[in-house]
Amino acid sequence: PREGVPDLVRLTEETLDLVEAHVPDYDLAAARAGFG
């Protein structure tokens, strides 16, 4: 887990990108802001 944090961040960002691309009606602004 300690070494995995950067990849968890990348996985989360890649997932947010997939949500943005395939669920365009979902507003990701709050999720992205909350995640940093």
ModelCIF file with pLDDT and N, C-alpha, C, O atoms, coordinates in Angstrom:
data_MODEL
#
_entry.id   MODEL 
#
_entity.id                         1 
_entity.type                       polymer 
_entity.pdbx_number_of_molecules   1 
#
_entity_poly.entity_id                      1 
_entity_poly.type                           'polypeptide(L)' 
_entity_poly.nstd_linkage                   no 
_entity_poly.nstd_monomer                   no 
_entity_poly.pdbx_seq_one_letter_code       PREGVPDLVRLTEETLDLVEAHVPDYDLAAARAGFG 
_entity_poly.pdbx_seq_one_letter_code_can   PREGVPDLVRLTEETLDLVEAHVPDYDLAAARAGFG 
_entity_poly.pdbx_strand_id                 A 
#
loop_
_entity_poly_seq.entity_id 
_entity_poly_seq.num 
_entity_poly_seq.mon_id 
_entity_poly_seq.hetero 
1 1  PRO n 
1 2  ARG n 
1 3  GLU n 
1 4  GLY n 
1 5  VAL n 
1 6  PRO n 
1 7  ASP n 
1 8  LEU n 
1 9  VAL n 
1 10 ARG n 
1 11 LEU n 
1 12 THR n 
1 13 GLU n 
1 14 GLU n 
1 15 THR n 
1 16 LEU n 
1 17 ASP n 
1 18 LEU n 
1 19 VAL n 
1 20 GLU n 
1 21 ALA n 
1 22 HIS n 
1 23 VAL n 
1 24 PRO n 
1 25 ASP n 
1 26 TYR n 
1 27 ASP n 
1 28 LEU n 
1 29 ALA n 
1 30 ALA n 
1 31 ALA n 
1 32 ARG n 
1 33 ALA n 
1 34 GLY n 
1 35 PHE n 
1 36 GLY n 
#
_struct_asym.id          A 
_struct_asym.entity_id   1 
#
loop_
_ma_qa_metric.id 
_ma_qa_metric.mode 
_ma_qa_metric.name 
_ma_qa_metric.software_group_id 
_ma_qa_metric.type 
1 global pLDDT . pLDDT 
2 local  pLDDT . pLDDT 
#
_ma_qa_metric_global.metric_id      1 
_ma_qa_metric_global.metric_value   90.86 
_ma_qa_metric_global.model_id       1 
_ma_qa_metric_global.ordinal_id     1 
#
loop_
_ma_qa_metric_local.label_asym_id 
_ma_qa_metric_local.label_comp_id 
_ma_qa_metric_local.label_seq_id 
_ma_qa_metric_local.metric_id 
_ma_qa_metric_local.metric_value 
_ma_qa_metric_local.model_id 
_ma_qa_metric_local.ordinal_id 
A PRO 1  2 95.00 1 1  
A ARG 2  2 94.00 1 2  
A GLU 3  2 95.00 1 3  
A GLY 4  2 93.00 1 4  
A VAL 5  2 94.00 1 5  
A PRO 6  2 94.00 1 6  
A ASP 7  2 94.00 1 7  
A LEU 8  2 94.00 1 8  
A VAL 9  2 93.00 1 9  
A ARG 10 2 94.00 1 10 
A LEU 11 2 95.00 1 11 
A THR 12 2 93.00 1 12 
A GLU 13 2 93.00 1 13 
A GLU 14 2 96.00 1 14 
A THR 15 2 95.00 1 15 
A LEU 16 2 93.00 1 16 
A ASP 17 2 94.00 1 17 
A LEU 18 2 96.00 1 18 
A VAL 19 2 93.00 1 19 
A GLU 20 2 92.00 1 20 
A ALA 21 2 95.00 1 21 
A HIS 22 2 95.00 1 22 
A VAL 23 2 91.00 1 23 
A PRO 24 2 87.00 1 24 
A ASP 25 2 89.00 1 25 
A TYR 26 2 87.00 1 26 
A ASP 27 2 85.00 1 27 
A LEU 28 2 85.00 1 28 
A ALA 29 2 84.00 1 29 
A ALA 30 2 82.00 1 30 
A ALA 31 2 84.00 1 31 
A ARG 32 2 85.00 1 32 
A ALA 33 2 85.00 1 33 
A GLY 34 2 84.00 1 34 
A PHE 35 2 87.00 1 35 
A GLY 36 2 86.00 1 36 
#
loop_
_atom_site.group_PDB 
_atom_site.id 
_atom_site.type_symbol 
_atom_site.label_atom_id 
_atom_site.label_alt_id 
_atom_site.label_comp_id 
_atom_site.label_asym_id 
_atom_site.label_entity_id 
_atom_site.label_seq_id 
_atom_site.pdbx_PDB_ins_code 
_atom_site.Cartn_x 
_atom_site.Cartn_y 
_atom_site.Cartn_z 
_atom_site.occupancy 
_atom_site.B_iso_or_equiv 
_atom_site.pdbx_formal_charge 
_atom_site.auth_seq_id 
_atom_site.auth_comp_id 
_atom_site.auth_asym_id 
_atom_site.auth_atom_id 
_atom_site.pdbx_PDB_model_num 
ATOM 1   N N  . PRO A 1 1  ? 0.801   -1.232 0.000   1.00 95.00 ? 1  PRO A N  1 
ATOM 2   C CA . PRO A 1 1  ? 0.000   0.000  0.000   1.00 95.00 ? 1  PRO A CA 1 
ATOM 3   C C  . PRO A 1 1  ? 0.833   1.281  0.000   1.00 95.00 ? 1  PRO A C  1 
ATOM 4   O O  . PRO A 1 1  ? 0.511   2.234  -0.710  1.00 95.00 ? 1  PRO A O  1 
ATOM 5   N N  . ARG A 1 2  ? 1.886   1.303  0.784   1.00 94.00 ? 2  ARG A N  1 
ATOM 6   C CA . ARG A 1 2  ? 2.713   2.517  0.875   1.00 94.00 ? 2  ARG A CA 1 
ATOM 7   C C  . ARG A 1 2  ? 3.299   2.889  -0.488  1.00 94.00 ? 2  ARG A C  1 
ATOM 8   O O  . ARG A 1 2  ? 3.242   4.047  -0.902  1.00 94.00 ? 2  ARG A O  1 
ATOM 9   N N  . GLU A 1 3  ? 3.861   1.896  -1.180  1.00 95.00 ? 3  GLU A N  1 
ATOM 10  C CA . GLU A 1 3  ? 4.442   2.133  -2.490  1.00 95.00 ? 3  GLU A CA 1 
ATOM 11  C C  . GLU A 1 3  ? 3.374   2.237  -3.574  1.00 95.00 ? 3  GLU A C  1 
ATOM 12  O O  . GLU A 1 3  ? 3.630   2.767  -4.655  1.00 95.00 ? 3  GLU A O  1 
ATOM 13  N N  . GLY A 1 4  ? 2.172   1.727  -3.281  1.00 93.00 ? 4  GLY A N  1 
ATOM 14  C CA . GLY A 1 4  ? 1.104   1.692  -4.269  1.00 93.00 ? 4  GLY A CA 1 
ATOM 15  C C  . GLY A 1 4  ? 0.287   2.951  -4.407  1.00 93.00 ? 4  GLY A C  1 
ATOM 16  O O  . GLY A 1 4  ? -0.510  3.068  -5.337  1.00 93.00 ? 4  GLY A O  1 
ATOM 17  N N  . VAL A 1 5  ? 0.466   3.905  -3.498  1.00 94.00 ? 5  VAL A N  1 
ATOM 18  C CA . VAL A 1 5  ? -0.343  5.125  -3.541  1.00 94.00 ? 5  VAL A CA 1 
ATOM 19  C C  . VAL A 1 5  ? -0.268  5.827  -4.903  1.00 94.00 ? 5  VAL A C  1 
ATOM 20  O O  . VAL A 1 5  ? -1.313  6.200  -5.435  1.00 94.00 ? 5  VAL A O  1 
ATOM 21  N N  . PRO A 1 6  ? 0.919   6.025  -5.489  1.00 94.00 ? 6  PRO A N  1 
ATOM 22  C CA . PRO A 1 6  ? 0.931   6.689  -6.800  1.00 94.00 ? 6  PRO A CA 1 
ATOM 23  C C  . PRO A 1 6  ? 0.118   5.951  -7.861  1.00 94.00 ? 6  PRO A C  1 
ATOM 24  O O  . PRO A 1 6  ? -0.532  6.591  -8.688  1.00 94.00 ? 6  PRO A O  1 
ATOM 25  N N  . ASP A 1 7  ? 0.140   4.618  -7.854  1.00 94.00 ? 7  ASP A N  1 
ATOM 26  C CA . ASP A 1 7  ? -0.649  3.896  -8.848  1.00 94.00 ? 7  ASP A CA 1 
ATOM 27  C C  . ASP A 1 7  ? -2.135  3.958  -8.516  1.00 94.00 ? 7  ASP A C  1 
ATOM 28  O O  . ASP A 1 7  ? -2.960  3.980  -9.429  1.00 94.00 ? 7  ASP A O  1 
ATOM 29  N N  . LEU A 1 8  ? -2.496  3.987  -7.243  1.00 94.00 ? 8  LEU A N  1 
ATOM 30  C CA . LEU A 1 8  ? -3.908  4.171  -6.890  1.00 94.00 ? 8  LEU A CA 1 
ATOM 31  C C  . LEU A 1 8  ? -4.387  5.521  -7.414  1.00 94.00 ? 8  LEU A C  1 
ATOM 32  O O  . LEU A 1 8  ? -5.503  5.631  -7.923  1.00 94.00 ? 8  LEU A O  1 
ATOM 33  N N  . VAL A 1 9  ? -3.558  6.535  -7.292  1.00 93.00 ? 9  VAL A N  1 
ATOM 34  C CA . VAL A 1 9  ? -3.918  7.856  -7.823  1.00 93.00 ? 9  VAL A CA 1 
ATOM 35  C C  . VAL A 1 9  ? -4.111  7.769  -9.337  1.00 93.00 ? 9  VAL A C  1 
ATOM 36  O O  . VAL A 1 9  ? -5.090  8.296  -9.865  1.00 93.00 ? 9  VAL A O  1 
ATOM 37  N N  . ARG A 1 10 ? -3.184  7.108  -10.041 1.00 94.00 ? 10 ARG A N  1 
ATOM 38  C CA . ARG A 1 10 ? -3.318  6.958  -11.496 1.00 94.00 ? 10 ARG A CA 1 
ATOM 39  C C  . ARG A 1 10 ? -4.556  6.143  -11.867 1.00 94.00 ? 10 ARG A C  1 
ATOM 40  O O  . ARG A 1 10 ? -5.282  6.510  -12.790 1.00 94.00 ? 10 ARG A O  1 
ATOM 41  N N  . LEU A 1 11 ? -4.801  5.041  -11.157 1.00 95.00 ? 11 LEU A N  1 
ATOM 42  C CA . LEU A 1 11 ? -5.998  4.227  -11.436 1.00 95.00 ? 11 LEU A CA 1 
ATOM 43  C C  . LEU A 1 11 ? -7.269  5.048  -11.237 1.00 95.00 ? 11 LEU A C  1 
ATOM 44  O O  . LEU A 1 11 ? -8.208  4.955  -12.027 1.00 95.00 ? 11 LEU A O  1 
ATOM 45  N N  . THR A 1 12 ? -7.288  5.842  -10.189 1.00 93.00 ? 12 THR A N  1 
ATOM 46  C CA . THR A 1 12 ? -8.461  6.670  -9.913  1.00 93.00 ? 12 THR A CA 1 
ATOM 47  C C  . THR A 1 12 ? -8.650  7.696  -11.017 1.00 93.00 ? 12 THR A C  1 
ATOM 48  O O  . THR A 1 12 ? -9.769  7.891  -11.490 1.00 93.00 ? 12 THR A O  1 
ATOM 49  N N  . GLU A 1 13 ? -7.579  8.352  -11.435 1.00 93.00 ? 13 GLU A N  1 
ATOM 50  C CA . GLU A 1 13 ? -7.687  9.348  -12.502 1.00 93.00 ? 13 GLU A CA 1 
ATOM 51  C C  . GLU A 1 13 ? -8.101  8.705  -13.820 1.00 93.00 ? 13 GLU A C  1 
ATOM 52  O O  . GLU A 1 13 ? -8.903  9.277  -14.559 1.00 93.00 ? 13 GLU A O  1 
ATOM 53  N N  . GLU A 1 14 ? -7.563  7.518  -14.124 1.00 96.00 ? 14 GLU A N  1 
ATOM 54  C CA . GLU A 1 14 ? -7.962  6.805  -15.335 1.00 96.00 ? 14 GLU A CA 1 
ATOM 55  C C  . GLU A 1 14 ? -9.437  6.420  -15.269 1.00 96.00 ? 14 GLU A C  1 
ATOM 56  O O  . GLU A 1 14 ? -10.142 6.474  -16.277 1.00 96.00 ? 14 GLU A O  1 
ATOM 57  N N  . THR A 1 15 ? -9.897  6.035  -14.097 1.00 95.00 ? 15 THR A N  1 
ATOM 58  C CA . THR A 1 15 ? -11.308 5.688  -13.915 1.00 95.00 ? 15 THR A CA 1 
ATOM 59  C C  . THR A 1 15 ? -12.186 6.918  -14.081 1.00 95.00 ? 15 THR A C  1 
ATOM 60  O O  . THR A 1 15 ? -13.235 6.846  -14.721 1.00 95.00 ? 15 THR A O  1 
ATOM 61  N N  . LEU A 1 16 ? -11.774 8.041  -13.515 1.00 93.00 ? 16 LEU A N  1 
ATOM 62  C CA . LEU A 1 16 ? -12.531 9.289  -13.693 1.00 93.00 ? 16 LEU A CA 1 
ATOM 63  C C  . LEU A 1 16 ? -12.600 9.661  -15.171 1.00 93.00 ? 16 LEU A C  1 
ATOM 64  O O  . LEU A 1 16 ? -13.629 10.143 -15.644 1.00 93.00 ? 16 LEU A O  1 
ATOM 65  N N  . ASP A 1 17 ? -11.520 9.441  -15.894 1.00 94.00 ? 17 ASP A N  1 
ATOM 66  C CA . ASP A 1 17 ? -11.529 9.700  -17.340 1.00 94.00 ? 17 ASP A CA 1 
ATOM 67  C C  . ASP A 1 17 ? -12.543 8.807  -18.057 1.00 94.00 ? 17 ASP A C  1 
ATOM 68  O O  . ASP A 1 17 ? -13.245 9.262  -18.961 1.00 94.00 ? 17 ASP A O  1 
ATOM 69  N N  . LEU A 1 18 ? -12.619 7.532  -17.651 1.00 96.00 ? 18 LEU A N  1 
ATOM 70  C CA . LEU A 1 18 ? -13.594 6.616  -18.260 1.00 96.00 ? 18 LEU A CA 1 
ATOM 71  C C  . LEU A 1 18 ? -15.022 7.049  -17.939 1.00 96.00 ? 18 LEU A C  1 
ATOM 72  O O  . LEU A 1 18 ? -15.900 6.987  -18.799 1.00 96.00 ? 18 LEU A O  1 
ATOM 73  N N  . VAL A 1 19 ? -15.252 7.483  -16.711 1.00 93.00 ? 19 VAL A N  1 
ATOM 74  C CA . VAL A 1 19 ? -16.585 7.991  -16.353 1.00 93.00 ? 19 VAL A CA 1 
ATOM 75  C C  . VAL A 1 19 ? -16.915 9.188  -17.238 1.00 93.00 ? 19 VAL A C  1 
ATOM 76  O O  . VAL A 1 19 ? -18.008 9.276  -17.797 1.00 93.00 ? 19 VAL A O  1 
ATOM 77  N N  . GLU A 1 20 ? -15.967 10.101 -17.359 1.00 92.00 ? 20 GLU A N  1 
ATOM 78  C CA . GLU A 1 20 ? -16.180 11.304 -18.163 1.00 92.00 ? 20 GLU A CA 1 
ATOM 79  C C  . GLU A 1 20 ? -16.491 10.953 -19.620 1.00 92.00 ? 20 GLU A C  1 
ATOM 80  O O  . GLU A 1 20 ? -17.367 11.562 -20.235 1.00 92.00 ? 20 GLU A O  1 
ATOM 81  N N  . ALA A 1 21 ? -15.777 9.978  -20.166 1.00 95.00 ? 21 ALA A N  1 
ATOM 82  C CA . ALA A 1 21 ? -15.948 9.602  -21.569 1.00 95.00 ? 21 ALA A CA 1 
ATOM 83  C C  . ALA A 1 21 ? -17.238 8.821  -21.833 1.00 95.00 ? 21 ALA A C  1 
ATOM 84  O O  . ALA A 1 21 ? -17.848 8.969  -22.892 1.00 95.00 ? 21 ALA A O  1 
ATOM 85  N N  . HIS A 1 22 ? -17.652 7.991  -20.869 1.00 95.00 ? 22 HIS A N  1 
ATOM 86  C CA . HIS A 1 22 ? -18.762 7.069  -21.129 1.00 95.00 ? 22 HIS A CA 1 
ATOM 87  C C  . HIS A 1 22 ? -20.039 7.376  -20.362 1.00 95.00 ? 22 HIS A C  1 
ATOM 88  O O  . HIS A 1 22 ? -21.078 6.771  -20.624 1.00 95.00 ? 22 HIS A O  1 
ATOM 89  N N  . VAL A 1 23 ? -19.975 8.302  -19.424 1.00 91.00 ? 23 VAL A N  1 
ATOM 90  C CA . VAL A 1 23 ? -21.170 8.734  -18.687 1.00 91.00 ? 23 VAL A CA 1 
ATOM 91  C C  . VAL A 1 23 ? -21.143 10.273 -18.678 1.00 91.00 ? 23 VAL A C  1 
ATOM 92  O O  . VAL A 1 23 ? -20.979 10.895 -17.629 1.00 91.00 ? 23 VAL A O  1 
ATOM 93  N N  . PRO A 1 24 ? -21.306 10.867 -19.858 1.00 87.00 ? 24 PRO A N  1 
ATOM 94  C CA . PRO A 1 24 ? -21.111 12.313 -19.986 1.00 87.00 ? 24 PRO A CA 1 
ATOM 95  C C  . PRO A 1 24 ? -22.059 13.157 -19.143 1.00 87.00 ? 24 PRO A C  1 
ATOM 96  O O  . PRO A 1 24 ? -21.747 14.311 -18.852 1.00 87.00 ? 24 PRO A O  1 
ATOM 97  N N  . ASP A 1 25 ? -23.198 12.622 -18.746 1.00 89.00 ? 25 ASP A N  1 
ATOM 98  C CA . ASP A 1 25 ? -24.137 13.386 -17.928 1.00 89.00 ? 25 ASP A CA 1 
ATOM 99  C C  . ASP A 1 25 ? -23.726 13.464 -16.460 1.00 89.00 ? 25 ASP A C  1 
ATOM 100 O O  . ASP A 1 25 ? -24.292 14.252 -15.702 1.00 89.00 ? 25 ASP A O  1 
ATOM 101 N N  . TYR A 1 26 ? -22.749 12.656 -16.053 1.00 87.00 ? 26 TYR A N  1 
ATOM 102 C CA . TYR A 1 26 ? -22.301 12.666 -14.661 1.00 87.00 ? 26 TYR A CA 1 
ATOM 103 C C  . TYR A 1 26 ? -21.304 13.801 -14.486 1.00 87.00 ? 26 TYR A C  1 
ATOM 104 O O  . TYR A 1 26 ? -20.280 13.845 -15.167 1.00 87.00 ? 26 TYR A O  1 
ATOM 105 N N  . ASP A 1 27 ? -21.601 14.709 -13.582 1.00 85.00 ? 27 ASP A N  1 
ATOM 106 C CA . ASP A 1 27 ? -20.727 15.859 -13.336 1.00 85.00 ? 27 ASP A CA 1 
ATOM 107 C C  . ASP A 1 27 ? -19.580 15.436 -12.426 1.00 85.00 ? 27 ASP A C  1 
ATOM 108 O O  . ASP A 1 27 ? -19.781 15.145 -11.247 1.00 85.00 ? 27 ASP A O  1 
ATOM 109 N N  . LEU A 1 28 ? -18.383 15.407 -12.987 1.00 85.00 ? 28 LEU A N  1 
ATOM 110 C CA . LEU A 1 28 ? -17.204 14.962 -12.246 1.00 85.00 ? 28 LEU A CA 1 
ATOM 111 C C  . LEU A 1 28 ? -16.465 16.083 -11.530 1.00 85.00 ? 28 LEU A C  1 
ATOM 112 O O  . LEU A 1 28 ? -15.479 15.817 -10.843 1.00 85.00 ? 28 LEU A O  1 
ATOM 113 N N  . ALA A 1 29 ? -16.903 17.308 -11.668 1.00 84.00 ? 29 ALA A N  1 
ATOM 114 C CA . ALA A 1 29 ? -16.164 18.439 -11.096 1.00 84.00 ? 29 ALA A CA 1 
ATOM 115 C C  . ALA A 1 29 ? -15.938 18.257 -9.594  1.00 84.00 ? 29 ALA A C  1 
ATOM 116 O O  . ALA A 1 29 ? -14.822 18.449 -9.113  1.00 84.00 ? 29 ALA A O  1 
ATOM 117 N N  . ALA A 1 30 ? -16.964 17.895 -8.862  1.00 82.00 ? 30 ALA A N  1 
ATOM 118 C CA . ALA A 1 30 ? -16.834 17.727 -7.407  1.00 82.00 ? 30 ALA A CA 1 
ATOM 119 C C  . ALA A 1 30 ? -15.931 16.540 -7.070  1.00 82.00 ? 30 ALA A C  1 
ATOM 120 O O  . ALA A 1 30 ? -15.124 16.612 -6.143  1.00 82.00 ? 30 ALA A O  1 
ATOM 121 N N  . ALA A 1 31 ? -16.068 15.455 -7.819  1.00 84.00 ? 31 ALA A N  1 
ATOM 122 C CA . ALA A 1 31 ? -15.233 14.275 -7.558  1.00 84.00 ? 31 ALA A CA 1 
ATOM 123 C C  . ALA A 1 31 ? -13.768 14.592 -7.818  1.00 84.00 ? 31 ALA A C  1 
ATOM 124 O O  . ALA A 1 31 ? -12.903 14.229 -7.020  1.00 84.00 ? 31 ALA A O  1 
ATOM 125 N N  . ARG A 1 32 ? -13.487 15.256 -8.912  1.00 85.00 ? 32 ARG A N  1 
ATOM 126 C CA . ARG A 1 32 ? -12.093 15.610 -9.225  1.00 85.00 ? 32 ARG A CA 1 
ATOM 127 C C  . ARG A 1 32 ? -11.541 16.592 -8.185  1.00 85.00 ? 32 ARG A C  1 
ATOM 128 O O  . ARG A 1 32 ? -10.404 16.448 -7.737  1.00 85.00 ? 32 ARG A O  1 
ATOM 129 N N  . ALA A 1 33 ? -12.338 17.575 -7.808  1.00 85.00 ? 33 ALA A N  1 
ATOM 130 C CA . ALA A 1 33 ? -11.890 18.555 -6.814  1.00 85.00 ? 33 ALA A CA 1 
ATOM 131 C C  . ALA A 1 33 ? -11.668 17.885 -5.461  1.00 85.00 ? 33 ALA A C  1 
ATOM 132 O O  . ALA A 1 33 ? -10.676 18.158 -4.785  1.00 85.00 ? 33 ALA A O  1 
ATOM 133 N N  . GLY A 1 34 ? -12.581 17.016 -5.072  1.00 84.00 ? 34 GLY A N  1 
ATOM 134 C CA . GLY A 1 34 ? -12.465 16.317 -3.792  1.00 84.00 ? 34 GLY A CA 1 
ATOM 135 C C  . GLY A 1 34 ? -11.280 15.372 -3.741  1.00 84.00 ? 34 GLY A C  1 
ATOM 136 O O  . GLY A 1 34 ? -10.667 15.180 -2.691  1.00 84.00 ? 34 GLY A O  1 
ATOM 137 N N  . PHE A 1 35 ? -10.968 14.787 -4.879  1.00 87.00 ? 35 PHE A N  1 
ATOM 138 C CA . PHE A 1 35 ? -9.842  13.854 -4.948  1.00 87.00 ? 35 PHE A CA 1 
ATOM 139 C C  . PHE A 1 35 ? -8.513  14.602 -5.023  1.00 87.00 ? 35 PHE A C  1 
ATOM 140 O O  . PHE A 1 35 ? -7.478  14.095 -4.590  1.00 87.00 ? 35 PHE A O  1 
ATOM 141 N N  . GLY A 1 36 ? -8.555  15.804 -5.572  1.00 86.00 ? 36 GLY A N  1 
ATOM 142 C CA . GLY A 1 36 ? -7.329  16.544 -5.763  1.00 86.00 ? 36 GLY A CA 1 
ATOM 143 C C  . GLY A 1 36 ? -6.635  16.112 -7.028  1.00 86.00 ? 36 GLY A C  1 
ATOM 144 O O  . GLY A 1 36 ? -5.570  16.634 -7.357  1.00 86.00 ? 36 GLY A O  1 
#
